[in-house]
Amino acid sequence: MKLLLIYVAILFQKLNAQYPFRNVSLSFSERVEDLVSRLTLEEIASQMSRGGGGGDGGPELPIERLGIGKYRWDTECIHGDMVDNATAFPQSIGLAALFSPSLLKQVASAVSNEVRAFNNDYVRRGLYETHTGLNCFSPVINIMRHPLWGRNQETYGEDPYLSGTLARAFVEGLKGDNLRYYRANAVCKHFAAYNGPEDLPESRLSFNAQVPIRDLFTTFFPQFKECVKSGALGVMCSYNSVNGIPACANKMLLTDVLRNQWNFTGFVISDSGALEFMILNHKFTLSLEDAAVYSVLAGVNLELHAGQYARGVFDWLTNAVKDGKISEALLRERVKPLFYTRMKLGEFDPPSMNPYLQLNMSIIQSPAHRDLATLAAMESFVLLKNNGLLPLRQQFDTVAIVGPFVDNAEQQLGNYGPGINPAFTSTVKSGLAGLGRRVITESGCTNTLCLHYNSTKVKEAVRDADLVVVCLGTGPAIETENFDRSNMLLPGYQTQLLQDARNYALGKVLVLIFSGGPLDIRFAHSDPAVSAILTCFFPAQATGVALYNVLTNKMPESNPAGRLPFTWYASDDQVPAMVDYSMKNKTYRYFDGDPLFPFGYGLSYTQFQYASLQLTPSLIKAGENITATFKLTNTGTLAGAEVYQVYISWLNATVVTPMYQLVNFNRTMLQPGETQTLSAQITSEQMAVYIDGKGFIIEPGEIMVYVGGQLPGQKTQVPSNVLKAIFTITDSRH
């Protein structure tokens, strides 16, 4: 190994002498300029055409005359590196329920360490298959606009501010804290207005999202702006069209907004096959060459191929230059962010300079990572109902655990997760085995679809139980990429299973829900025979252990403090049309009905009280920030975390604004009787409203501020209170 390092150092010295792009004393930008100036047109087209995917989509071919090796761009890591044996953290929607940027950053950091360790091993062994790269096609920050969209589980929920704040935490966790290098790079996706449908009532590959401009800038763009401001060097353009133009050929999105308004200098990569589907599905153009031209002119740098054609769309870029449809100079500009990213990841520097090259396979599924996966799962659970059953304070004689999620490691994982490692995976069955002296388990269904149900076995299982745990939900078999849900009903015979458990159980009934979005559980919510409901999302490998800790309140961190990152609508009657992209009457910001559970909702085993709200200053000029200070007290008998939530509403706006808008939040732990004085800033940017033709403007007038542990003005409430106060803006500002 020592001789190898000496040889590599000598090789780098020789290359440095020959090529300035190897000179570490120069800036990355200077080195990129030199490198790109040495590429031929054919080499540029090749580098832009192999971002991954099927067919000839990757890896990047080596440029041997310059000493540039193979390169693989892609991996997926929304909740763990998408390879076998990686640590599987809760799916994104559960991570959103943490309402904790700091904990999400820890998760992203752990994921990034494993991504880099795997990549170091792959490169050492000369492996460049898919999902071996350092560019995570993550985070997914499309908002959860519709409760039946199949990819809701991959998102951070329905609020643009929450999504943007969590995107920042995730990006910073992936990057690491080295001032020169990124440990791994984030690719923010899918830009833009890709929020359903997948397949119902039409295909995402041809869907045209018709979005009012105000909704684009106030709902669909803010989280992407925050993601790129956080240092992400990649953005993925989406399958759909936006107002008639495919996203990957949409200059307004990729140049006017992303680059010119937000000053993004990284690369844009197409979603898998999106350039091909411009021809096959959108019928935007009929030739591969023209599809390449339109997308490059719009701002795409890299193609993710789907193999719909023998050659990728960007393989036609050389023809486009020769035909005079695009300039070679533009292609040279488009390829620069690709090599800048590779330099930030350390590819062209001596290995001794990059500390992340020291990460090895010993970090994969390390005890610290497994403990973090358990902590994240515990803190993601949302307690929806509790009639005194929880926390469990005794061992029961007989416990029955029934339902299709009793022992379902695959479906509890969520999509785009690591391969299941049985050695580190606990299910409901294994995790709750210690709750009773005798534990009976019965799935009742052959799978989560529950189209075949054995009522007799479920009734027998629950008949003599002191505690019945009913495990219901969807899983990736029902809601996932390519598949939307057709309604909010529990799948198949799951409602019947719940009714059987309730009717034949002698003891208490606890319902666990595993899903990426809301389900129609009005029956369980209103029925006094159902003592408690806990929604778990998809907790992944630590499911069983985390559940045991939370149900028994094993430690202060296991007192439930997850909060809903979406509106839990009551039934299909409240669900809008999937294809309607106006935000009217959608999400907590505009919905004027009574949901079953509101955004930000979640119960605890203890109680909290808010007091002494002050706004400083309360009279401001446009462009100034204010600070809200308040006291928070744990008035209960158990230690627990509270998620404080700060909302505003505009009292004098001249345009349509949200009824409420989240502007600050965090999770804080309090001991019984403890009082903390907390502060939350509201920035001037958050006070602005969007006016068509003018952009964001801060208008004079009054803004109401609400501080508490819940969304104000809701029929379903948590036990704590909400404080409110008003501040006044005296003038306007663009």
Foldseek 3Di string as FASTA:
>chain_A
DVVVLVVLVVVLVVLVVVFVLLPPVDDNLVSLVRVLVPDDLLLLLQCQEAQAADFNNDFRPAPVVSPRHTAHHEFAPLQATAAAQFQGFAFQCLLLLLQALVLLLVRLLLRLLQLLQQLLVCVVVVHHHHSNHQEHADDEAFEQFFQFAQALRSHSYHFLVSRQSNLLSNQDSQQDDDPQAGSGAYAYDEPWPPNDDCPVPHHQQAAEFEADPQCCVRGTPNSVLSNQVSPHQHYEYERYHYNLHGRLLALCRQPVPQCVVSVRQHAYEYDECSLVSVQVHNVVDPDLQVSLLSNLVSGHQHYRYHPPDNGHSSSCVVVCCVVVSDHSVSSSSSPSNVSSNVVNNPPSYSPVVDPSSPRHPCSGVPVVSLVSSLLSLLQSKFWDFAQPPPQPDDAWAEEEEEAQQCPCQQQLRAPSTYDDDVVQADGQPRLCVRRHPYYHYYHQAPHLLRQHGDLVVLLVRQQATQEYEYEHEHGSVARHRSHTHPWQEGHHCSVVSVVSNLVRHPHAYEYEYAASGAHQPPVLVPDVSHRIYMYRHRSHRNHSNSVNCLSNVVDQSNFHAGWRSWFRANTRVQGDDRSNNYSALTTQQHNDDAGSAHGLDGEGPWDKEKDDWDKVPQEEAQQAKIKIKIKMWTQGQAKYKAKKWKWKAFDDDPDDGGRIHTQDIHIDIDGHGDMDIDMDMGGSQNQWRQDPPPGTKRAWDKMKMKIDSDDPDHPDDYPYDIDMDMGTHHHMDD
